[in-house]
Amino acid sequence: MADRDEIKKPSEQEFKGSKNYLLAFVLFLNTVLMGAVAFLQYQSHTQKAQESTIKDVVKAAMLEKEVDDQAKAEGLGEAEKTDGILYPLKTFTANLAQGDGPRRFLRMTTVVQFSQDTKKSEIEARSPQIRDKIISLINSKRPEDLLKVEGKAYLKEEIKAAINALMVDGHVMNVYYVEFQIN
């Protein structure tokens, strides 16, 4: 019995004191980790904000085109020289992204203007890939987006970029709508 009485149990004050140090250390570690996560998120957001989106590129291209058009308007009487290969694509009929209303689709016929160094054999060989890319772009658009002039111009730029990504020789200079109907 005497041995049991001699075993010293830690007092409540000693136990609470070690708890406070442990709690303070965990709190400090948590604060440091939260600060590191916040810093990394801040860096990620600033880096992402500096990247240019496709909308920025399209707006810059449209602004550049307006400036070019104004410069051409000053030189009255000059006809625009179109160097390139005009390649008509078959009519596209594709579903549009689901909006608030009923299911809608787009019927569109386009002519693509390629640069002079483009090989006609490459255009014909890549025709299924080109059609697939354009149909995928159409499927991602909502009717509200395409009813606006900016939406149609944006779609032209997206089509141009998608086809240029496929081409090895030459590139797309312009895309022309021959028919554009939303039902």
N, C-alpha and C. Protein backbone atom coordinates (compact mmCIF):
# COMPACT_ATOMS: atom_id res chain seq x y z
N MET A 1 0.79 -1.18 0.00
CA MET A 1 0.00 0.00 0.00
C MET A 1 0.84 1.26 0.00
N ALA A 2 1.95 1.15 0.63
CA ALA A 2 2.80 2.31 0.73
C ALA A 2 3.33 2.71 -0.64
N ASP A 3 3.56 1.70 -1.51
CA ASP A 3 4.07 2.00 -2.83
C ASP A 3 3.06 2.79 -3.66
N ARG A 4 1.84 2.48 -3.44
CA ARG A 4 0.81 3.20 -4.20
C ARG A 4 0.73 4.65 -3.77
N ASP A 5 0.90 4.94 -2.54
CA ASP A 5 0.83 6.30 -2.03
C ASP A 5 2.05 7.10 -2.46
N GLU A 6 3.18 6.41 -2.65
CA GLU A 6 4.41 7.12 -2.98
C GLU A 6 4.43 7.56 -4.44
N ILE A 7 3.68 6.90 -5.31
CA ILE A 7 3.66 7.30 -6.71
C ILE A 7 3.01 8.68 -6.79
N LYS A 8 3.79 9.59 -7.34
CA LYS A 8 3.33 10.96 -7.39
C LYS A 8 2.54 11.18 -8.68
N LYS A 9 1.36 11.65 -8.54
CA LYS A 9 0.54 12.00 -9.68
C LYS A 9 0.80 13.47 -10.00
N PRO A 10 0.85 13.79 -11.32
CA PRO A 10 1.07 15.21 -11.63
C PRO A 10 -0.13 16.04 -11.18
N SER A 11 0.20 17.16 -10.65
CA SER A 11 -0.87 18.03 -10.19
C SER A 11 -1.59 18.65 -11.38
N GLU A 12 -2.75 19.15 -11.15
CA GLU A 12 -3.54 19.73 -12.23
C GLU A 12 -2.86 20.97 -12.79
N GLN A 13 -2.13 21.71 -11.96
CA GLN A 13 -1.46 22.92 -12.43
C GLN A 13 -0.33 22.56 -13.41
N GLU A 14 0.43 21.53 -13.14
CA GLU A 14 1.51 21.13 -14.04
C GLU A 14 0.94 20.66 -15.38
N PHE A 15 -0.15 19.95 -15.33
CA PHE A 15 -0.78 19.44 -16.55
C PHE A 15 -1.34 20.61 -17.39
N LYS A 16 -1.96 21.57 -16.76
CA LYS A 16 -2.51 22.72 -17.48
C LYS A 16 -1.40 23.56 -18.08
N GLY A 17 -0.31 23.68 -17.42
CA GLY A 17 0.81 24.48 -17.92
C GLY A 17 1.37 23.88 -19.21
N SER A 18 1.51 22.58 -19.28
CA SER A 18 2.03 21.97 -20.50
C SER A 18 0.99 22.03 -21.61
N LYS A 19 -0.25 22.03 -21.27
CA LYS A 19 -1.32 22.14 -22.25
C LYS A 19 -1.29 23.52 -22.93
N ASN A 20 -1.01 24.55 -22.15
CA ASN A 20 -0.96 25.91 -22.71
C ASN A 20 0.17 26.04 -23.72
N TYR A 21 1.33 25.45 -23.44
CA TYR A 21 2.44 25.53 -24.39
C TYR A 21 2.11 24.77 -25.66
N LEU A 22 1.51 23.62 -25.52
CA LEU A 22 1.14 22.81 -26.67
C LEU A 22 0.08 23.55 -27.51
N LEU A 23 -0.89 24.13 -26.85
CA LEU A 23 -1.93 24.87 -27.54
C LEU A 23 -1.35 26.10 -28.25
N ALA A 24 -0.45 26.79 -27.62
CA ALA A 24 0.18 27.97 -28.23
C ALA A 24 0.99 27.55 -29.46
N PHE A 25 1.71 26.45 -29.37
CA PHE A 25 2.51 25.96 -30.50
C PHE A 25 1.61 25.58 -31.68
N VAL A 26 0.53 24.86 -31.42
CA VAL A 26 -0.41 24.47 -32.47
C VAL A 26 -1.06 25.70 -33.09
N LEU A 27 -1.42 26.67 -32.29
CA LEU A 27 -2.01 27.90 -32.79
C LEU A 27 -1.02 28.66 -33.68
N PHE A 28 0.24 28.76 -33.25
CA PHE A 28 1.27 29.42 -34.04
C PHE A 28 1.50 28.69 -35.37
N LEU A 29 1.57 27.36 -35.32
CA LEU A 29 1.77 26.56 -36.53
C LEU A 29 0.59 26.74 -37.49
N ASN A 30 -0.61 26.74 -36.97
CA ASN A 30 -1.81 26.95 -37.78
C ASN A 30 -1.78 28.33 -38.45
N THR A 31 -1.39 29.35 -37.73
CA THR A 31 -1.31 30.71 -38.27
C THR A 31 -0.28 30.79 -39.40
N VAL A 32 0.87 30.18 -39.21
CA VAL A 32 1.91 30.18 -40.24
C VAL A 32 1.42 29.46 -41.49
N LEU A 33 0.79 28.30 -41.33
CA LEU A 33 0.28 27.56 -42.47
C LEU A 33 -0.82 28.32 -43.20
N MET A 34 -1.71 28.96 -42.47
CA MET A 34 -2.77 29.75 -43.11
C MET A 34 -2.17 30.92 -43.89
N GLY A 35 -1.16 31.56 -43.35
CA GLY A 35 -0.48 32.65 -44.05
C GLY A 35 0.18 32.15 -45.33
N ALA A 36 0.80 30.97 -45.29
CA ALA A 36 1.44 30.40 -46.48
C ALA A 36 0.41 30.09 -47.55
N VAL A 37 -0.72 29.52 -47.17
CA VAL A 37 -1.79 29.20 -48.13
C VAL A 37 -2.35 30.50 -48.73
N ALA A 38 -2.55 31.51 -47.91
CA ALA A 38 -3.07 32.78 -48.42
C ALA A 38 -2.08 33.41 -49.40
N PHE A 39 -0.79 33.35 -49.10
CA PHE A 39 0.22 33.90 -50.00
C PHE A 39 0.23 33.16 -51.33
N LEU A 40 0.15 31.83 -51.30
CA LEU A 40 0.15 31.05 -52.53
C LEU A 40 -1.10 31.34 -53.37
N GLN A 41 -2.24 31.50 -52.73
CA GLN A 41 -3.46 31.84 -53.47
C GLN A 41 -3.35 33.23 -54.08
N TYR A 42 -2.78 34.16 -53.35
CA TYR A 42 -2.59 35.51 -53.88
C TYR A 42 -1.68 35.48 -55.11
N GLN A 43 -0.60 34.74 -55.04
CA GLN A 43 0.31 34.62 -56.18
C GLN A 43 -0.39 34.00 -57.38
N SER A 44 -1.18 32.97 -57.14
CA SER A 44 -1.90 32.29 -58.22
C SER A 44 -2.90 33.23 -58.88
N HIS A 45 -3.63 33.99 -58.09
CA HIS A 45 -4.63 34.91 -58.65
C HIS A 45 -3.98 36.05 -59.43
N THR A 46 -2.88 36.58 -58.93
CA THR A 46 -2.22 37.67 -59.68
C THR A 46 -1.64 37.16 -60.98
N GLN A 47 -1.12 35.94 -60.96
CA GLN A 47 -0.57 35.36 -62.19
C GLN A 47 -1.69 35.10 -63.20
N LYS A 48 -2.82 34.59 -62.73
CA LYS A 48 -3.95 34.31 -63.62
C LYS A 48 -4.55 35.60 -64.17
N ALA A 49 -4.55 36.66 -63.38
CA ALA A 49 -5.10 37.94 -63.83
C ALA A 49 -4.22 38.56 -64.93
N GLN A 50 -2.94 38.24 -64.94
CA GLN A 50 -2.05 38.80 -65.95
C GLN A 50 -2.13 38.07 -67.27
N GLU A 51 -2.64 36.84 -67.28
CA GLU A 51 -2.76 36.08 -68.52
C GLU A 51 -3.87 36.68 -69.37
N SER A 52 -3.63 36.73 -70.67
CA SER A 52 -4.67 37.25 -71.55
C SER A 52 -5.62 36.13 -71.94
N THR A 53 -6.90 36.43 -71.90
CA THR A 53 -7.91 35.46 -72.27
C THR A 53 -8.20 35.59 -73.75
N ILE A 54 -8.95 34.67 -74.28
CA ILE A 54 -9.29 34.71 -75.70
C ILE A 54 -10.18 35.92 -75.99
N LYS A 55 -10.98 36.34 -75.02
CA LYS A 55 -11.80 37.53 -75.22
C LYS A 55 -10.92 38.76 -75.40
N ASP A 56 -9.83 38.87 -74.62
CA ASP A 56 -8.92 39.99 -74.77
C ASP A 56 -8.27 39.99 -76.15
N VAL A 57 -7.88 38.81 -76.62
CA VAL A 57 -7.25 38.70 -77.93
C VAL A 57 -8.24 39.09 -79.03
N VAL A 58 -9.48 38.63 -78.90
CA VAL A 58 -10.50 38.95 -79.91
C VAL A 58 -10.79 40.45 -79.91
N LYS A 59 -10.90 41.05 -78.72
CA LYS A 59 -11.16 42.49 -78.64
C LYS A 59 -10.02 43.27 -79.29
N ALA A 60 -8.78 42.85 -79.03
CA ALA A 60 -7.63 43.52 -79.63
C ALA A 60 -7.66 43.38 -81.15
N ALA A 61 -8.01 42.19 -81.64
CA ALA A 61 -8.07 41.97 -83.08
C ALA A 61 -9.19 42.81 -83.71
N MET A 62 -10.32 42.89 -83.04
CA MET A 62 -11.43 43.69 -83.57
C MET A 62 -11.06 45.18 -83.58
N LEU A 63 -10.38 45.64 -82.54
CA LEU A 63 -9.95 47.03 -82.49
C LEU A 63 -8.94 47.32 -83.59
N GLU A 64 -8.03 46.39 -83.82
CA GLU A 64 -7.04 46.54 -84.88
C GLU A 64 -7.73 46.59 -86.25
N LYS A 65 -8.74 45.76 -86.42
CA LYS A 65 -9.49 45.75 -87.69
C LYS A 65 -10.21 47.08 -87.90
N GLU A 66 -10.79 47.63 -86.84
CA GLU A 66 -11.46 48.92 -86.96
C GLU A 66 -10.47 50.01 -87.36
N VAL A 67 -9.29 49.99 -86.78
CA VAL A 67 -8.27 50.97 -87.13
C VAL A 67 -7.86 50.81 -88.59
N ASP A 68 -7.69 49.56 -89.03
CA ASP A 68 -7.35 49.30 -90.43
C ASP A 68 -8.46 49.77 -91.37
N ASP A 69 -9.70 49.52 -90.98
CA ASP A 69 -10.84 49.95 -91.80
C ASP A 69 -10.90 51.47 -91.91
N GLN A 70 -10.61 52.16 -90.82
CA GLN A 70 -10.61 53.62 -90.86
C GLN A 70 -9.48 54.14 -91.75
N ALA A 71 -8.34 53.48 -91.68
CA ALA A 71 -7.21 53.89 -92.51
C ALA A 71 -7.53 53.66 -93.99
N LYS A 72 -8.20 52.56 -94.30
CA LYS A 72 -8.58 52.27 -95.68
C LYS A 72 -9.65 53.23 -96.17
N ALA A 73 -10.53 53.68 -95.27
CA ALA A 73 -11.59 54.61 -95.64
C ALA A 73 -11.01 55.96 -96.05
N GLU A 74 -9.87 56.31 -95.50
CA GLU A 74 -9.24 57.57 -95.86
C GLU A 74 -8.72 57.53 -97.29
N GLY A 75 -8.29 56.37 -97.77
CA GLY A 75 -7.82 56.21 -99.14
C GLY A 75 -8.98 55.81 -100.02
N LEU A 76 -9.90 56.72 -100.30
CA LEU A 76 -11.11 56.42 -101.05
C LEU A 76 -10.79 55.94 -102.46
N GLY A 77 -11.58 55.04 -102.97
CA GLY A 77 -11.44 54.57 -104.33
C GLY A 77 -10.51 53.38 -104.48
N GLU A 78 -9.84 52.94 -103.41
CA GLU A 78 -8.95 51.80 -103.52
C GLU A 78 -9.72 50.53 -103.20
N ALA A 79 -9.60 49.56 -104.07
CA ALA A 79 -10.26 48.28 -103.84
C ALA A 79 -9.35 47.42 -102.96
N GLU A 80 -9.96 46.62 -102.13
CA GLU A 80 -9.19 45.75 -101.25
C GLU A 80 -8.70 44.55 -102.04
N LYS A 81 -7.41 44.27 -101.93
CA LYS A 81 -6.82 43.13 -102.62
C LYS A 81 -6.91 41.93 -101.70
N THR A 82 -7.51 40.87 -102.18
CA THR A 82 -7.65 39.66 -101.38
C THR A 82 -6.71 38.59 -101.92
N ASP A 83 -5.62 38.41 -101.24
CA ASP A 83 -4.70 37.35 -101.59
C ASP A 83 -5.04 36.15 -100.72
N GLY A 84 -5.32 35.07 -101.35
CA GLY A 84 -5.59 33.88 -100.59
C GLY A 84 -6.52 32.95 -101.34
N ILE A 85 -6.70 31.79 -100.76
CA ILE A 85 -7.55 30.76 -101.34
C ILE A 85 -8.88 30.77 -100.61
N LEU A 86 -9.96 30.93 -101.32
CA LEU A 86 -11.29 30.86 -100.72
C LEU A 86 -11.77 29.42 -100.81
N TYR A 87 -12.10 28.86 -99.65
CA TYR A 87 -12.53 27.46 -99.59
C TYR A 87 -13.90 27.41 -98.93
N PRO A 88 -14.96 27.11 -99.69
CA PRO A 88 -16.30 27.03 -99.09
C PRO A 88 -16.46 25.72 -98.32
N LEU A 89 -17.05 25.83 -97.15
CA LEU A 89 -17.36 24.64 -96.34
C LEU A 89 -18.84 24.31 -96.52
N LYS A 90 -19.15 23.04 -96.37
CA LYS A 90 -20.55 22.63 -96.47
C LYS A 90 -21.34 23.26 -95.33
N THR A 91 -22.64 23.29 -95.48
CA THR A 91 -23.52 23.89 -94.48
C THR A 91 -23.45 23.10 -93.18
N PHE A 92 -23.36 23.85 -92.09
CA PHE A 92 -23.34 23.25 -90.75
C PHE A 92 -24.73 23.38 -90.16
N THR A 93 -25.21 22.32 -89.56
CA THR A 93 -26.43 22.37 -88.77
C THR A 93 -26.08 21.69 -87.45
N ALA A 94 -26.10 22.47 -86.38
CA ALA A 94 -25.67 21.93 -85.09
C ALA A 94 -26.53 22.52 -83.98
N ASN A 95 -26.68 21.76 -82.91
CA ASN A 95 -27.44 22.21 -81.75
C ASN A 95 -26.62 23.26 -81.00
N LEU A 96 -27.32 24.23 -80.45
CA LEU A 96 -26.69 25.23 -79.61
C LEU A 96 -26.79 24.78 -78.16
N ALA A 97 -25.98 25.39 -77.30
CA ALA A 97 -26.02 25.06 -75.88
C ALA A 97 -27.41 25.40 -75.35
N GLN A 98 -27.88 24.61 -74.40
CA GLN A 98 -29.23 24.78 -73.86
C GLN A 98 -29.32 26.09 -73.10
N GLY A 99 -30.22 26.94 -73.50
CA GLY A 99 -30.49 28.20 -72.81
C GLY A 99 -31.71 28.04 -71.93
N ASP A 100 -32.38 29.14 -71.65
CA ASP A 100 -33.58 29.09 -70.82
C ASP A 100 -34.77 28.56 -71.59
N GLY A 101 -34.80 28.79 -72.88
CA GLY A 101 -35.96 28.43 -73.68
C GLY A 101 -35.84 27.04 -74.29
N PRO A 102 -36.55 26.85 -75.40
CA PRO A 102 -36.54 25.54 -76.06
C PRO A 102 -35.20 25.27 -76.74
N ARG A 103 -35.03 24.03 -77.13
CA ARG A 103 -33.81 23.62 -77.81
C ARG A 103 -33.69 24.37 -79.13
N ARG A 104 -32.51 24.94 -79.39
CA ARG A 104 -32.30 25.73 -80.60
C ARG A 104 -31.12 25.17 -81.37
N PHE A 105 -31.07 25.46 -82.67
CA PHE A 105 -29.94 25.02 -83.48
C PHE A 105 -29.54 26.13 -84.44
N LEU A 106 -28.33 25.98 -84.97
CA LEU A 106 -27.76 26.97 -85.88
C LEU A 106 -27.50 26.30 -87.22
N ARG A 107 -27.91 26.97 -88.28
CA ARG A 107 -27.58 26.54 -89.64
C ARG A 107 -26.67 27.63 -90.20
N MET A 108 -25.47 27.21 -90.59
CA MET A 108 -24.47 28.19 -90.99
C MET A 108 -23.66 27.65 -92.17
N THR A 109 -23.46 28.50 -93.16
CA THR A 109 -22.58 28.18 -94.28
C THR A 109 -21.46 29.21 -94.26
N THR A 110 -20.22 28.73 -94.36
CA THR A 110 -19.08 29.64 -94.28
C THR A 110 -18.13 29.42 -95.45
N VAL A 111 -17.36 30.45 -95.71
CA VAL A 111 -16.25 30.38 -96.66
C VAL A 111 -15.02 30.81 -95.88
N VAL A 112 -13.98 29.99 -95.95
CA VAL A 112 -12.75 30.27 -95.22
C VAL A 112 -11.70 30.74 -96.20
N GLN A 113 -11.04 31.84 -95.88
CA GLN A 113 -9.97 32.36 -96.73
C GLN A 113 -8.63 31.95 -96.13
N PHE A 114 -7.90 31.12 -96.88
CA PHE A 114 -6.58 30.66 -96.46
C PHE A 114 -5.51 31.49 -97.15
N SER A 115 -4.31 31.53 -96.59
CA SER A 115 -3.21 32.25 -97.20
C SER A 115 -2.75 31.54 -98.48
N GLN A 116 -1.98 32.25 -99.30
CA GLN A 116 -1.54 31.71 -100.59
C GLN A 116 -0.67 30.46 -100.42
N ASP A 117 0.10 30.38 -99.35
CA ASP A 117 1.00 29.24 -99.18
C ASP A 117 0.31 27.98 -98.65
N THR A 118 -1.00 28.04 -98.48
CA THR A 118 -1.76 26.87 -98.03
C THR A 118 -1.95 25.91 -99.20
N LYS A 119 -1.75 24.64 -98.91
CA LYS A 119 -1.93 23.62 -99.94
C LYS A 119 -3.38 23.14 -99.92
N LYS A 120 -3.99 23.11 -101.11
CA LYS A 120 -5.38 22.68 -101.22
C LYS A 120 -5.55 21.22 -100.74
N SER A 121 -4.52 20.39 -100.96
CA SER A 121 -4.60 18.99 -100.52
C SER A 121 -4.68 18.91 -98.99
N GLU A 122 -3.98 19.81 -98.30
CA GLU A 122 -4.05 19.79 -96.83
C GLU A 122 -5.42 20.23 -96.35
N ILE A 123 -6.00 21.22 -97.02
CA ILE A 123 -7.33 21.68 -96.64
C ILE A 123 -8.33 20.55 -96.79
N GLU A 124 -8.26 19.85 -97.91
CA GLU A 124 -9.21 18.75 -98.15
C GLU A 124 -8.96 17.59 -97.20
N ALA A 125 -7.70 17.32 -96.88
CA ALA A 125 -7.39 16.22 -95.95
C ALA A 125 -7.86 16.54 -94.53
N ARG A 126 -7.80 17.80 -94.14
CA ARG A 126 -8.18 18.20 -92.79
C ARG A 126 -9.65 18.63 -92.70
N SER A 127 -10.38 18.52 -93.76
CA SER A 127 -11.77 18.95 -93.78
C SER A 127 -12.61 18.31 -92.67
N PRO A 128 -12.50 17.00 -92.40
CA PRO A 128 -13.29 16.44 -91.29
C PRO A 128 -12.90 17.02 -89.94
N GLN A 129 -11.62 17.26 -89.73
CA GLN A 129 -11.17 17.85 -88.46
C GLN A 129 -11.68 19.29 -88.33
N ILE A 130 -11.64 20.02 -89.43
CA ILE A 130 -12.13 21.40 -89.42
C ILE A 130 -13.62 21.43 -89.10
N ARG A 131 -14.38 20.56 -89.75
CA ARG A 131 -15.82 20.50 -89.48
C ARG A 131 -16.09 20.13 -88.02
N ASP A 132 -15.33 19.18 -87.48
CA ASP A 132 -15.50 18.77 -86.09
C ASP A 132 -15.23 19.93 -85.13
N LYS A 133 -14.16 20.66 -85.37
CA LYS A 133 -13.83 21.80 -84.50
C LYS A 133 -14.94 22.85 -84.54
N ILE A 134 -15.44 23.13 -85.74
CA ILE A 134 -16.48 24.16 -85.87
C ILE A 134 -17.78 23.70 -85.20
N ILE A 135 -18.14 22.45 -85.38
CA ILE A 135 -19.35 21.93 -84.73
C ILE A 135 -19.20 21.97 -83.21
N SER A 136 -18.03 21.63 -82.71
CA SER A 136 -17.79 21.71 -81.26
C SER A 136 -17.93 23.14 -80.75
N LEU A 137 -17.42 24.09 -81.52
CA LEU A 137 -17.56 25.50 -81.12
C LEU A 137 -19.03 25.92 -81.11
N ILE A 138 -19.77 25.52 -82.14
CA ILE A 138 -21.19 25.88 -82.22
C ILE A 138 -21.96 25.27 -81.05
N ASN A 139 -21.65 24.02 -80.71
CA ASN A 139 -22.35 23.35 -79.61
C ASN A 139 -22.13 24.04 -78.27
N SER A 140 -21.03 24.77 -78.13
CA SER A 140 -20.73 25.42 -76.86
C SER A 140 -21.36 26.82 -76.75
N LYS A 141 -21.98 27.30 -77.81
CA LYS A 141 -22.54 28.65 -77.82
C LYS A 141 -24.03 28.64 -77.48
N ARG A 142 -24.45 29.68 -76.79
CA ARG A 142 -25.86 29.86 -76.49
C ARG A 142 -26.47 30.77 -77.55
N PRO A 143 -27.78 30.65 -77.82
CA PRO A 143 -28.41 31.49 -78.84
C PRO A 143 -28.26 32.99 -78.53
N GLU A 144 -28.33 33.36 -77.26
CA GLU A 144 -28.24 34.77 -76.88
C GLU A 144 -26.88 35.35 -77.28
N ASP A 145 -25.84 34.53 -77.20
CA ASP A 145 -24.50 35.00 -77.54
C ASP A 145 -24.37 35.26 -79.04
N LEU A 146 -24.97 34.42 -79.86
CA LEU A 146 -24.79 34.50 -81.30
C LEU A 146 -25.73 35.49 -81.98
N LEU A 147 -26.74 35.96 -81.27
CA LEU A 147 -27.65 36.92 -81.87
C LEU A 147 -27.03 38.32 -81.94
N LYS A 148 -26.01 38.56 -81.13
CA LYS A 148 -25.34 39.86 -81.12
C LYS A 148 -24.24 39.88 -82.18
N VAL A 149 -23.93 41.05 -82.68
CA VAL A 149 -22.87 41.22 -83.69
C VAL A 149 -21.52 40.81 -83.10
N GLU A 150 -21.28 41.17 -81.85
CA GLU A 150 -20.01 40.83 -81.20
C GLU A 150 -19.86 39.32 -81.07
N GLY A 151 -20.97 38.64 -80.80
CA GLY A 151 -20.93 37.19 -80.67
C GLY A 151 -20.58 36.50 -81.98
N LYS A 152 -21.11 37.03 -83.08
CA LYS A 152 -20.80 36.47 -84.40
C LYS A 152 -19.33 36.72 -84.75
N ALA A 153 -18.84 37.92 -84.45
CA ALA A 153 -17.43 38.24 -84.72
C ALA A 153 -16.52 37.38 -83.84
N TYR A 154 -16.92 37.17 -82.60
CA TYR A 154 -16.15 36.34 -81.68
C TYR A 154 -16.09 34.89 -82.19
N LEU A 155 -17.22 34.39 -82.70
CA LEU A 155 -17.26 33.04 -83.26
C LEU A 155 -16.32 32.93 -84.47
N LYS A 156 -16.28 33.98 -85.31
CA LYS A 156 -15.35 33.97 -86.45
C LYS A 156 -13.91 33.83 -85.97
N GLU A 157 -13.55 34.60 -84.96
CA GLU A 157 -12.18 34.55 -84.44
C GLU A 157 -11.87 33.19 -83.83
N GLU A 158 -12.85 32.60 -83.14
CA GLU A 158 -12.64 31.27 -82.57
C GLU A 158 -12.47 30.23 -83.66
N ILE A 159 -13.26 30.32 -84.72
CA ILE A 159 -13.14 29.39 -85.85
C ILE A 159 -11.76 29.54 -86.48
N LYS A 160 -11.35 30.78 -86.67
CA LYS A 160 -10.04 31.04 -87.27
C LYS A 160 -8.92 30.43 -86.40
N ALA A 161 -8.98 30.63 -85.11
CA ALA A 161 -7.96 30.10 -84.21
C ALA A 161 -7.97 28.57 -84.19
N ALA A 162 -9.16 27.98 -84.20
CA ALA A 162 -9.26 26.52 -84.17
C ALA A 162 -8.69 25.89 -85.43
N ILE A 163 -8.98 26.49 -86.59
CA ILE A 163 -8.46 25.94 -87.84
C ILE A 163 -6.96 26.16 -87.94
N ASN A 164 -6.48 27.32 -87.51
CA ASN A 164 -5.04 27.59 -87.54
C ASN A 164 -4.26 26.61 -86.68
N ALA A 165 -4.87 26.13 -85.60
CA ALA A 165 -4.20 25.15 -84.75
C ALA A 165 -4.02 23.82 -85.47
N LEU A 166 -4.86 23.55 -86.45
CA LEU A 166 -4.77 22.29 -87.20
C LEU A 166 -3.80 22.36 -88.38
N MET A 167 -3.62 23.54 -88.94
CA MET A 167 -2.89 23.68 -90.19
C MET A 167 -1.37 23.59 -89.98
N VAL A 168 -0.70 22.93 -90.93
CA VAL A 168 0.75 22.84 -90.93
C VAL A 168 1.32 23.88 -91.88
N ASP A 169 0.83 23.88 -93.12
CA ASP A 169 1.26 24.86 -94.12
C ASP A 169 0.16 25.90 -94.29
N GLY A 170 0.51 27.16 -94.16
CA GLY A 170 -0.46 28.22 -94.36
C GLY A 170 -1.28 28.48 -93.11
N HIS A 171 -2.19 29.42 -93.25
CA HIS A 171 -3.07 29.77 -92.13
C HIS A 171 -4.35 30.42 -92.66
N VAL A 172 -5.32 30.56 -91.76
CA VAL A 172 -6.60 31.17 -92.10
C VAL A 172 -6.46 32.68 -91.97
N MET A 173 -6.87 33.37 -93.01
CA MET A 173 -6.82 34.83 -92.99
C MET A 173 -8.15 35.43 -92.54
N ASN A 174 -9.26 34.80 -92.96
CA ASN A 174 -10.56 35.33 -92.60
C ASN A 174 -11.62 34.23 -92.73
N VAL A 175 -12.73 34.45 -92.08
CA VAL A 175 -13.89 33.55 -92.17
C VAL A 175 -15.08 34.42 -92.55
N TYR A 176 -15.82 33.97 -93.56
CA TYR A 176 -16.98 34.72 -94.03
C TYR A 176 -18.24 33.88 -93.83
N TYR A 177 -19.30 34.52 -93.33
CA TYR A 177 -20.58 33.84 -93.22
C TYR A 177 -21.34 34.04 -94.53
N VAL A 178 -21.80 32.98 -95.12
CA VAL A 178 -22.65 33.07 -96.30
C VAL A 178 -24.11 32.91 -95.88
N GLU A 179 -24.33 32.05 -94.89
CA GLU A 179 -25.66 31.86 -94.32
C GLU A 179 -25.50 31.71 -92.83
N PHE A 180 -26.38 32.35 -92.07
CA PHE A 180 -26.32 32.29 -90.62
C PHE A 180 -27.73 32.37 -90.10
N GLN A 181 -28.30 31.24 -89.66
CA GLN A 181 -29.68 31.20 -89.26
C GLN A 181 -29.80 30.44 -87.95
N ILE A 182 -30.46 31.05 -86.97
CA ILE A 182 -30.71 30.40 -85.69
C ILE A 182 -32.19 30.07 -85.59
N ASN A 183 -32.52 28.81 -85.37
CA ASN A 183 -33.91 28.37 -85.20
C ASN A 183 -34.11 27.80 -83.82
